[in-house]
Amino acid sequence: MTTLHPMPDDVVLVAIDIAKARNEVLIETPGQKRRRRMTVPNTRAEHDRLIVLLKGFGRPVACAMEATGNYHRPIAWRLREAGFQVRLVSSVALARTREALHNGWDKNDPKDAQVILHMLRIGASQTYHDPLAAGINDVQELSKTHEAIAGAKTQVLHRIQTHYLPLYFPEVDRFRQNSRSDWFFAFLDRFPTPASITALDKPAFIEAAWSVVGRKVSKERLLGDIYETAKTSIGLPIPLEAPAIRMFRLVIAEARSLIRQRNEIEAMADQLLAESKDYKRLRQIPGIGPIIALAILAEAGDLRRFGHHRQFLKFCGLDLSTQQSGTYRGQTRLSKYGNARLRRNLWLAGQVAIRQKENSFRDKFERYIARDRHNADLRRKALTAITAKMARVVHAIIKSGDDYRPFVEGPVPGGRTPLSSAVRAQPATL
């Protein structure tokens, strides 16, 4: 149960309903029944006017707002720099409180400002951690941009796989090894159709494509296999100068451009965080590579602010919740009221960790599914447990400042870890 901490009686309370062009502001001054309502456009002059007004009260000021896209960040930064306390209210809590106070679902900006003010007064708000003040703004931008580019790259790849290749060269898709390789797209740009390959004899094709595919094991055999595949292709006979092939090459160029951008961001992130001790410790954990480590630091910020790993689990949405009313008690399941992007990256890290040869994550997963390895529901629960374990380990090594100590949990009778082993594995099994 969450304990509310109401605001002191001598604090000026300011509720701000954020919008793109203007904000609805409601001010409650101690000792005065009448509240002051005003509209503050999102301009420098109007923000300055609001700050001067609040400083004129000569009292501590607490401001609360609902996070709205990124529109709240400029005014929140200005208020924080002016020395005011800045708080956030949950969107879900705001909606439920509004319904309880006004007995209806209808909403408008002035009404939302009243609800925000009520929540600020009773202490139903959260501390606002400004990314710029916390020094993670650059890390966040790199992480979010990388995710956007990776998503765009996946969409382009799907367009190539489901539209262009089935039409013009269906058989070549089996030579694509992974989505991070640029050689496959470079090859398609040079040889987009089977006819562009078979127009040359086999030795001439191998010589022309030799530098295109880059460094490969058994490169000559690979190119020979591609040549023989092109001779029996069912692709449509489209000439190279056709507009359709020009469109195909445009999409290929887009994919290659996105790969270059992604690689540039990864190199920049590694350079930016090269001296970060937290980043280095995260990289020691099985399953966590540079991008997942970047995402964890970007989304969680300084993990030391979480006093206990359960707080971090709740922040990730990995805490358990149960629907209960009277004699009814529902199933206990993950709340998922947390940072979805952080939860997804921890899930991905766990997926990678259990595929590695030896580590405590894989050992726990194997013990979890031992009674029925083919039970899909049991495997799903095991992966969820591994995700929670990953979150606990991440929090433990950052908060303690200790390096990750790998430990392979051996076979344990009855599924229990010996006390001596548990002590030695403490940083990895919290």
Protein backbone atom coordinates (compact mmCIF):
# COMPACT_ATOMS: atom_id res chain seq x y z
CA MET A 1 0.00 0.00 0.00
CA THR A 2 1.35 3.43 -0.99
CA THR A 3 1.61 5.99 1.80
CA LEU A 4 0.55 9.52 0.86
CA HIS A 5 2.54 12.49 2.12
CA PRO A 6 0.37 15.62 2.00
CA MET A 7 1.99 18.95 1.24
CA PRO A 8 2.79 21.28 4.18
CA ASP A 9 0.28 24.04 4.86
CA ASP A 10 2.69 26.89 4.03
CA VAL A 11 3.44 25.75 0.46
CA VAL A 12 1.97 27.47 -2.60
CA LEU A 13 0.38 24.77 -4.75
CA VAL A 14 0.47 25.12 -8.54
CA ALA A 15 -1.35 22.72 -10.88
CA ILE A 16 -0.49 22.90 -14.59
CA ASP A 17 -2.48 21.13 -17.30
CA ILE A 18 0.01 20.83 -20.15
CA ALA A 19 -0.87 21.38 -23.81
CA LYS A 20 1.07 22.08 -26.99
CA ALA A 21 0.33 25.79 -27.35
CA ARG A 22 -0.81 26.87 -23.88
CA ASN A 23 -1.13 25.57 -20.34
CA GLU A 24 -3.98 25.94 -17.86
CA VAL A 25 -2.56 26.97 -14.46
CA LEU A 26 -4.38 26.87 -11.12
CA ILE A 27 -2.68 28.43 -8.07
CA GLU A 28 -3.70 27.85 -4.46
CA THR A 29 -2.17 30.20 -1.88
CA PRO A 30 -2.10 29.25 1.84
CA GLY A 31 -4.74 31.15 3.85
CA GLN A 32 -6.82 32.13 0.80
CA LYS A 33 -9.96 30.32 -0.26
CA ARG A 34 -10.00 31.81 -3.72
CA ARG A 35 -7.73 30.15 -6.26
CA ARG A 36 -6.08 31.98 -9.11
CA ARG A 37 -6.63 30.59 -12.58
CA MET A 38 -4.59 31.71 -15.58
CA THR A 39 -3.60 30.58 -19.07
CA VAL A 40 0.10 30.51 -19.82
CA PRO A 41 1.09 30.25 -23.50
CA ASN A 42 4.25 28.33 -24.27
CA THR A 43 6.48 31.34 -24.89
CA ARG A 44 9.59 32.50 -23.07
CA ALA A 45 7.96 35.75 -21.96
CA GLU A 46 4.90 33.99 -20.51
CA HIS A 47 7.03 31.42 -18.68
CA ASP A 48 9.06 34.29 -17.20
CA ARG A 49 5.85 36.02 -16.12
CA LEU A 50 4.66 32.88 -14.33
CA ILE A 51 8.01 32.44 -12.55
CA VAL A 52 8.03 36.08 -11.39
CA LEU A 53 4.48 35.69 -10.10
CA LEU A 54 5.33 32.54 -8.13
CA LYS A 55 8.49 34.06 -6.66
CA GLY A 56 6.43 37.04 -5.52
CA PHE A 57 4.57 34.93 -2.97
CA GLY A 58 7.74 34.63 -0.89
CA ARG A 59 6.85 31.04 0.06
CA PRO A 60 7.92 27.54 -1.00
CA VAL A 61 6.24 26.57 -4.27
CA ALA A 62 5.29 23.05 -5.41
CA CYS A 63 4.20 22.57 -9.02
CA ALA A 64 2.51 19.47 -10.39
CA MET A 65 1.73 18.43 -13.95
CA GLU A 66 0.85 15.41 -16.02
CA ALA A 67 3.60 14.28 -18.39
CA THR A 68 2.26 15.05 -21.89
CA GLY A 69 4.55 13.85 -24.66
CA ASN A 70 7.55 16.16 -24.42
CA TYR A 71 5.53 19.37 -24.10
CA HIS A 72 5.93 19.45 -20.32
CA ARG A 73 9.71 19.33 -20.30
CA PRO A 74 10.57 22.97 -21.21
CA ILE A 75 8.31 24.52 -18.57
CA ALA A 76 9.28 21.86 -16.01
CA TRP A 77 12.94 22.72 -16.60
CA ARG A 78 12.29 26.44 -16.15
CA LEU A 79 10.32 25.89 -12.94
CA ARG A 80 12.97 23.57 -11.53
CA GLU A 81 15.77 26.02 -12.36
CA ALA A 82 13.78 28.76 -10.61
CA GLY A 83 14.01 26.70 -7.40
CA PHE A 84 10.46 25.36 -7.29
CA GLN A 85 9.55 21.78 -6.45
CA VAL A 86 8.28 19.97 -9.53
CA ARG A 87 6.04 16.88 -9.26
CA LEU A 88 4.36 14.57 -11.77
CA VAL A 89 0.95 12.93 -11.54
CA SER A 90 0.18 9.59 -13.13
CA SER A 91 -2.13 9.69 -16.14
CA VAL A 92 -4.04 6.63 -14.88
CA ALA A 93 -4.35 8.05 -11.37
CA LEU A 94 -5.47 11.39 -12.79
CA ALA A 95 -8.25 9.77 -14.83
CA ARG A 96 -9.51 7.70 -11.92
CA THR A 97 -9.36 10.60 -9.49
CA ARG A 98 -11.24 12.82 -11.94
CA GLU A 99 -13.97 10.22 -12.26
CA ALA A 100 -14.22 9.86 -8.47
CA LEU A 101 -14.33 13.61 -7.81
CA HIS A 102 -16.71 14.57 -10.61
CA ASN A 103 -18.68 11.33 -10.99
CA GLY A 104 -18.19 11.22 -14.74
CA TRP A 105 -15.80 10.61 -17.59
CA ASP A 106 -16.08 14.08 -19.18
CA LYS A 107 -12.95 16.18 -19.01
CA ASN A 108 -11.57 19.58 -19.93
CA ASP A 109 -8.37 21.48 -19.17
CA PRO A 110 -9.66 23.57 -16.22
CA LYS A 111 -11.19 20.46 -14.64
CA ASP A 112 -7.92 18.55 -15.05
CA ALA A 113 -6.06 21.41 -13.36
CA GLN A 114 -8.42 21.13 -10.37
CA VAL A 115 -7.82 17.37 -10.13
CA ILE A 116 -4.03 17.83 -10.41
CA LEU A 117 -4.18 20.41 -7.62
CA HIS A 118 -6.14 18.00 -5.41
CA MET A 119 -3.64 15.20 -6.05
CA LEU A 120 -0.72 17.52 -5.29
CA ARG A 121 -2.32 18.60 -2.01
CA ILE A 122 -2.90 15.06 -0.74
CA GLY A 123 0.52 13.85 -1.87
CA ALA A 124 -0.61 11.61 -4.73
CA SER A 125 2.25 12.68 -6.98
CA GLN A 126 5.73 11.59 -7.96
CA THR A 127 9.12 13.29 -7.90
CA TYR A 128 10.08 14.68 -11.31
CA HIS A 129 13.57 13.66 -12.42
CA ASP A 130 14.66 15.97 -15.21
CA PRO A 131 16.83 14.12 -17.77
CA LEU A 132 18.88 17.24 -18.54
CA ALA A 133 19.58 17.92 -14.86
CA ALA A 134 20.35 14.23 -14.27
CA GLY A 135 22.86 14.21 -17.13
CA ILE A 136 21.11 11.51 -19.16
CA ASN A 137 19.49 13.66 -21.84
CA ASP A 138 22.13 12.75 -24.45
CA VAL A 139 21.90 9.07 -23.51
CA GLN A 140 18.11 9.17 -23.90
CA GLU A 141 18.30 10.82 -27.30
CA LEU A 142 20.82 8.27 -28.56
CA SER A 143 18.73 5.37 -27.25
CA LYS A 144 15.41 6.62 -28.61
CA THR A 145 16.88 7.55 -31.99
CA HIS A 146 18.53 4.14 -32.26
CA GLU A 147 15.21 2.46 -31.52
CA ALA A 148 13.42 4.59 -34.14
CA ILE A 149 16.06 3.82 -36.78
CA ALA A 150 16.06 0.10 -35.93
CA GLY A 151 12.27 0.07 -36.28
CA ALA A 152 12.42 1.86 -39.64
CA LYS A 153 15.13 -0.55 -40.79
CA THR A 154 12.91 -3.53 -39.87
CA GLN A 155 9.99 -2.05 -41.82
CA VAL A 156 12.15 -1.56 -44.92
CA LEU A 157 13.50 -5.11 -44.62
CA HIS A 158 9.96 -6.48 -44.43
CA ARG A 159 9.01 -4.50 -47.55
CA ILE A 160 11.95 -6.03 -49.40
CA GLN A 161 11.19 -9.55 -48.15
CA THR A 162 7.44 -9.47 -48.77
CA HIS A 163 7.22 -7.39 -51.95
CA TYR A 164 10.37 -6.93 -54.01
CA LEU A 165 12.12 -10.27 -53.53
CA PRO A 166 9.02 -12.42 -54.21
CA LEU A 167 8.60 -10.54 -57.49
CA TYR A 168 12.11 -10.21 -58.82
CA PHE A 169 14.42 -12.72 -57.06
CA PRO A 170 12.61 -14.98 -54.54
CA GLU A 171 15.43 -17.50 -54.11
CA VAL A 172 18.10 -15.02 -53.01
CA ASP A 173 16.48 -14.47 -49.60
CA ARG A 174 18.00 -17.71 -48.27
CA PHE A 175 21.47 -16.17 -48.54
CA ARG A 176 20.61 -13.37 -46.14
CA GLN A 177 22.23 -14.22 -42.82
CA ASN A 178 21.14 -11.45 -40.44
CA SER A 179 19.57 -8.00 -40.56
CA ARG A 180 22.76 -6.24 -39.44
CA SER A 181 24.74 -7.17 -42.54
CA ASP A 182 25.11 -4.54 -45.25
CA TRP A 183 26.61 -6.90 -47.82
CA PHE A 184 23.26 -8.45 -48.75
CA PHE A 185 21.74 -5.08 -49.63
CA ALA A 186 24.93 -4.01 -51.43
CA PHE A 187 24.68 -7.20 -53.48
CA LEU A 188 21.01 -6.58 -54.34
CA ASP A 189 21.83 -3.04 -55.36
CA ARG A 190 24.48 -4.34 -57.78
CA PHE A 191 22.51 -7.43 -58.91
CA PRO A 192 18.76 -6.82 -58.28
CA THR A 193 17.49 -9.50 -60.70
CA PRO A 194 18.59 -12.97 -61.82
CA ALA A 195 19.10 -11.62 -65.34
CA SER A 196 21.69 -9.14 -64.06
CA ILE A 197 23.66 -12.16 -62.79
CA THR A 198 23.20 -14.57 -65.69
CA ALA A 199 24.12 -11.87 -68.18
CA LEU A 200 27.70 -12.68 -67.12
CA ASP A 201 29.37 -16.04 -67.21
CA LYS A 202 30.16 -17.63 -63.85
CA PRO A 203 33.83 -16.56 -63.55
CA ALA A 204 32.98 -13.01 -64.63
CA PHE A 205 30.15 -12.82 -62.10
CA ILE A 206 32.35 -14.08 -59.26
CA GLU A 207 34.97 -11.48 -60.16
CA ALA A 208 32.38 -8.66 -60.33
CA ALA A 209 30.72 -9.64 -57.03
CA TRP A 210 33.92 -10.49 -55.16
CA SER A 211 34.36 -7.07 -53.54
CA VAL A 212 30.63 -6.49 -53.09
CA VAL A 213 29.96 -9.27 -50.57
CA GLY A 214 32.92 -8.37 -48.34
CA ARG A 215 34.80 -10.87 -46.19
CA LYS A 216 33.15 -14.28 -46.28
CA VAL A 217 34.13 -17.85 -45.51
CA SER A 218 34.20 -19.87 -48.74
CA LYS A 219 33.31 -16.77 -50.72
CA GLU A 220 33.84 -18.40 -54.12
CA ARG A 221 31.52 -21.28 -53.23
CA LEU A 222 28.87 -18.80 -51.96
CA LEU A 223 28.97 -16.76 -55.16
CA GLY A 224 28.89 -19.92 -57.25
CA ASP A 225 25.80 -21.08 -55.38
CA ILE A 226 24.12 -17.70 -55.98
CA TYR A 227 24.93 -17.93 -59.69
CA GLU A 228 23.43 -21.41 -60.02
CA THR A 229 20.35 -20.25 -58.08
CA ALA A 230 19.89 -17.29 -60.45
CA LYS A 231 19.91 -19.62 -63.46
CA THR A 232 16.80 -21.42 -62.15
CA SER A 233 15.01 -18.43 -60.60
CA ILE A 234 11.28 -17.88 -61.09
CA GLY A 235 11.61 -14.09 -60.74
CA LEU A 236 9.74 -11.88 -63.17
CA PRO A 237 11.79 -10.97 -66.28
CA ILE A 238 12.09 -7.22 -65.64
CA PRO A 239 14.83 -5.27 -67.46
CA LEU A 240 17.36 -3.40 -65.29
CA GLU A 241 16.36 -0.02 -66.70
CA ALA A 242 12.67 -0.49 -65.79
CA PRO A 243 11.15 2.00 -63.29
CA ALA A 244 10.20 -0.96 -61.04
CA ILE A 245 13.87 -1.86 -60.57
CA ARG A 246 14.67 1.80 -59.89
CA MET A 247 12.09 1.72 -57.08
CA PHE A 248 13.65 -1.50 -55.79
CA ARG A 249 17.06 0.16 -55.67
CA LEU A 250 15.61 3.22 -53.92
CA VAL A 251 14.32 1.00 -51.12
CA ILE A 252 17.65 -0.83 -50.94
CA ALA A 253 19.44 2.51 -50.64
CA GLU A 254 17.10 3.45 -47.78
CA ALA A 255 17.94 0.22 -45.96
CA ARG A 256 21.68 0.80 -46.37
CA SER A 257 21.35 4.37 -45.16
CA LEU A 258 19.52 3.22 -42.03
CA ILE A 259 22.23 0.63 -41.36
CA ARG A 260 24.90 3.35 -41.57
CA GLN A 261 22.92 5.58 -39.21
CA ARG A 262 22.46 2.74 -36.73
CA ASN A 263 26.16 1.89 -36.77
CA GLU A 264 27.05 5.56 -36.27
CA ILE A 265 24.76 5.83 -33.24
CA GLU A 266 26.19 2.65 -31.72
CA ALA A 267 29.74 3.96 -32.11
CA MET A 268 28.72 7.33 -30.64
CA ALA A 269 27.00 5.65 -27.68
CA ASP A 270 30.03 3.49 -26.96
CA GLN A 271 32.25 6.57 -27.06
CA LEU A 272 29.87 8.60 -24.87
CA LEU A 273 29.64 5.89 -22.19
CA ALA A 274 33.20 4.58 -22.42
CA GLU A 275 34.11 6.11 -19.04
CA SER A 276 30.81 5.30 -17.31
CA LYS A 277 31.32 2.76 -14.53
CA ASP A 278 27.62 1.85 -14.55
CA TYR A 279 27.80 1.13 -18.29
CA LYS A 280 30.86 -1.08 -17.84
CA ARG A 281 29.20 -3.04 -15.04
CA LEU A 282 26.04 -3.56 -17.06
CA ARG A 283 28.11 -4.91 -19.95
CA GLN A 284 29.46 -7.61 -17.62
CA ILE A 285 26.01 -9.16 -17.17
CA PRO A 286 25.21 -12.06 -19.54
CA GLY A 287 22.74 -10.98 -22.21
CA ILE A 288 23.38 -7.23 -21.91
CA GLY A 289 25.18 -5.69 -24.87
CA PRO A 290 25.90 -2.03 -25.67
CA ILE A 291 22.39 -1.18 -26.91
CA ILE A 292 20.49 -2.81 -24.03
CA ALA A 293 22.91 -1.19 -21.55
CA LEU A 294 22.29 2.15 -23.25
CA ALA A 295 18.51 1.65 -23.04
CA ILE A 296 18.66 0.72 -19.33
CA LEU A 297 20.66 3.83 -18.44
CA ALA A 298 18.42 6.00 -20.63
CA GLU A 299 15.13 4.75 -19.21
CA ALA A 300 16.07 4.12 -15.56
CA GLY A 301 18.56 6.96 -15.00
CA ASP A 302 20.48 6.60 -11.76
CA LEU A 303 19.37 3.25 -10.30
CA ARG A 304 20.77 4.25 -6.89
CA ARG A 305 17.66 6.31 -6.26
CA PHE A 306 15.72 3.05 -5.82
CA GLY A 307 16.26 2.08 -2.20
CA HIS A 308 15.20 -1.54 -2.75
CA HIS A 309 15.07 -3.77 -5.79
CA ARG A 310 11.29 -4.08 -5.36
CA GLN A 311 11.00 -0.36 -6.12
CA PHE A 312 12.94 -0.90 -9.33
CA LEU A 313 10.77 -3.89 -10.23
CA LYS A 314 7.69 -1.73 -9.78
CA PHE A 315 9.25 1.01 -11.91
CA CYS A 316 9.72 -1.60 -14.64
CA GLY A 317 6.19 -2.97 -14.22
CA LEU A 318 7.55 -6.34 -13.06
CA ASP A 319 5.77 -6.28 -9.70
CA LEU A 320 2.86 -8.62 -9.00
CA SER A 321 -0.74 -7.49 -8.61
CA THR A 322 -3.99 -9.25 -7.79
CA GLN A 323 -7.56 -8.17 -8.53
CA GLN A 324 -9.64 -8.76 -5.40
CA SER A 325 -13.16 -7.79 -4.37
CA GLY A 326 -15.07 -9.39 -1.50
CA THR A 327 -14.74 -13.14 -1.77
CA TYR A 328 -13.44 -12.91 -5.34
CA ARG A 329 -9.70 -13.14 -5.84
CA GLY A 330 -8.28 -13.09 -9.34
CA GLN A 331 -5.01 -14.49 -10.61
CA THR A 332 -1.79 -12.88 -9.49
CA ARG A 333 0.05 -11.51 -12.51
CA LEU A 334 2.47 -8.80 -13.59
CA SER A 335 1.05 -5.33 -13.13
CA LYS A 336 2.80 -3.92 -16.26
CA TYR A 337 2.18 -0.43 -14.81
CA GLY A 338 5.72 0.69 -15.46
CA ASN A 339 8.29 1.54 -18.08
CA ALA A 340 7.41 -0.75 -20.98
CA ARG A 341 10.58 -0.03 -22.93
CA LEU A 342 12.78 -0.87 -19.96
CA ARG A 343 10.77 -4.05 -19.31
CA ARG A 344 11.15 -5.12 -22.95
CA ASN A 345 14.92 -4.61 -22.93
CA LEU A 346 15.28 -6.65 -19.73
CA TRP A 347 13.18 -9.37 -21.36
CA LEU A 348 15.46 -9.35 -24.43
CA ALA A 349 18.55 -9.51 -22.21
CA GLY A 350 17.10 -12.54 -20.43
CA GLN A 351 16.37 -14.22 -23.77
CA VAL A 352 20.01 -13.79 -24.81
CA ALA A 353 21.36 -14.89 -21.40
CA ILE A 354 19.53 -18.24 -21.37
CA ARG A 355 20.98 -19.07 -24.78
CA GLN A 356 24.54 -18.68 -23.58
CA LYS A 357 26.49 -21.71 -22.49
CA GLU A 358 27.00 -21.20 -18.76
CA ASN A 359 25.49 -18.62 -16.42
CA SER A 360 23.08 -18.50 -13.50
CA PHE A 361 20.25 -17.19 -15.71
CA ARG A 362 20.32 -20.26 -17.92
CA ASP A 363 20.67 -22.53 -14.89
CA LYS A 364 17.58 -21.00 -13.29
CA PHE A 365 15.64 -21.27 -16.55
CA GLU A 366 16.57 -24.94 -16.95
CA ARG A 367 15.54 -25.74 -13.37
CA TYR A 368 12.25 -23.86 -13.85
CA ILE A 369 11.19 -25.85 -16.93
CA ALA A 370 12.71 -29.19 -15.84
CA ARG A 371 9.37 -30.80 -14.94
CA ASP A 372 7.87 -30.19 -18.41
CA ARG A 373 10.22 -28.76 -21.04
CA HIS A 374 7.54 -28.64 -23.74
CA ASN A 375 4.94 -26.74 -21.68
CA ALA A 376 4.62 -23.36 -23.41
CA ASP A 377 2.94 -21.73 -20.42
CA LEU A 378 5.69 -22.94 -18.08
CA ARG A 379 8.38 -21.60 -20.43
CA ARG A 380 6.63 -18.23 -20.56
CA LYS A 381 6.56 -18.06 -16.77
CA ALA A 382 10.22 -19.07 -16.67
CA LEU A 383 11.13 -16.24 -19.06
CA THR A 384 9.21 -13.80 -16.88
CA ALA A 385 11.12 -15.02 -13.82
CA ILE A 386 14.39 -14.58 -15.72
CA THR A 387 13.37 -11.02 -16.64
CA ALA A 388 12.70 -10.19 -12.99
CA LYS A 389 16.03 -11.76 -12.03
CA MET A 390 17.78 -9.64 -14.67
CA ALA A 391 16.21 -6.51 -13.18
CA ARG A 392 17.33 -7.48 -9.68
CA VAL A 393 20.89 -8.15 -10.84
CA VAL A 394 21.02 -4.84 -12.73
CA HIS A 395 19.86 -2.95 -9.65
CA ALA A 396 22.21 -4.88 -7.34
CA ILE A 397 25.47 -4.25 -9.19
CA ILE A 398 24.72 -0.58 -9.82
CA LYS A 399 23.60 0.14 -6.27
CA SER A 400 26.42 -1.83 -4.63
CA GLY A 401 29.11 -0.62 -7.02
CA ASP A 402 30.49 -4.15 -7.30
CA ASP A 403 31.43 -5.93 -10.50
CA TYR A 404 29.24 -8.77 -11.69
CA ARG A 405 30.58 -12.10 -10.49
CA PRO A 406 29.47 -14.93 -12.76
CA PHE A 407 28.35 -18.06 -11.01
CA VAL A 408 27.07 -21.27 -12.53
CA GLU A 409 24.56 -22.93 -10.25
CA GLY A 410 25.18 -26.64 -10.41
CA PRO A 411 22.52 -29.37 -10.13
CA VAL A 412 20.81 -29.02 -6.77
CA PRO A 413 18.71 -31.82 -5.22
CA GLY A 414 15.15 -30.65 -4.66
CA GLY A 415 15.70 -27.44 -6.65
CA ARG A 416 17.39 -25.58 -3.78
CA THR A 417 20.68 -23.71 -3.88
CA PRO A 418 23.15 -24.61 -1.10
CA LEU A 419 23.77 -21.79 1.34
CA SER A 420 27.49 -21.62 0.46
CA SER A 421 26.68 -21.35 -3.24
CA ALA A 422 24.01 -18.74 -2.62
CA VAL A 423 26.48 -16.60 -0.68
CA ARG A 424 29.08 -16.82 -3.44
CA ALA A 425 26.44 -15.99 -6.07
CA GLN A 426 24.89 -13.07 -4.20
CA PRO A 427 25.41 -10.30 -6.83
CA ALA A 428 24.04 -12.57 -9.58
CA THR A 429 21.07 -14.08 -7.78
CA LEU A 430 19.50 -11.23 -5.82
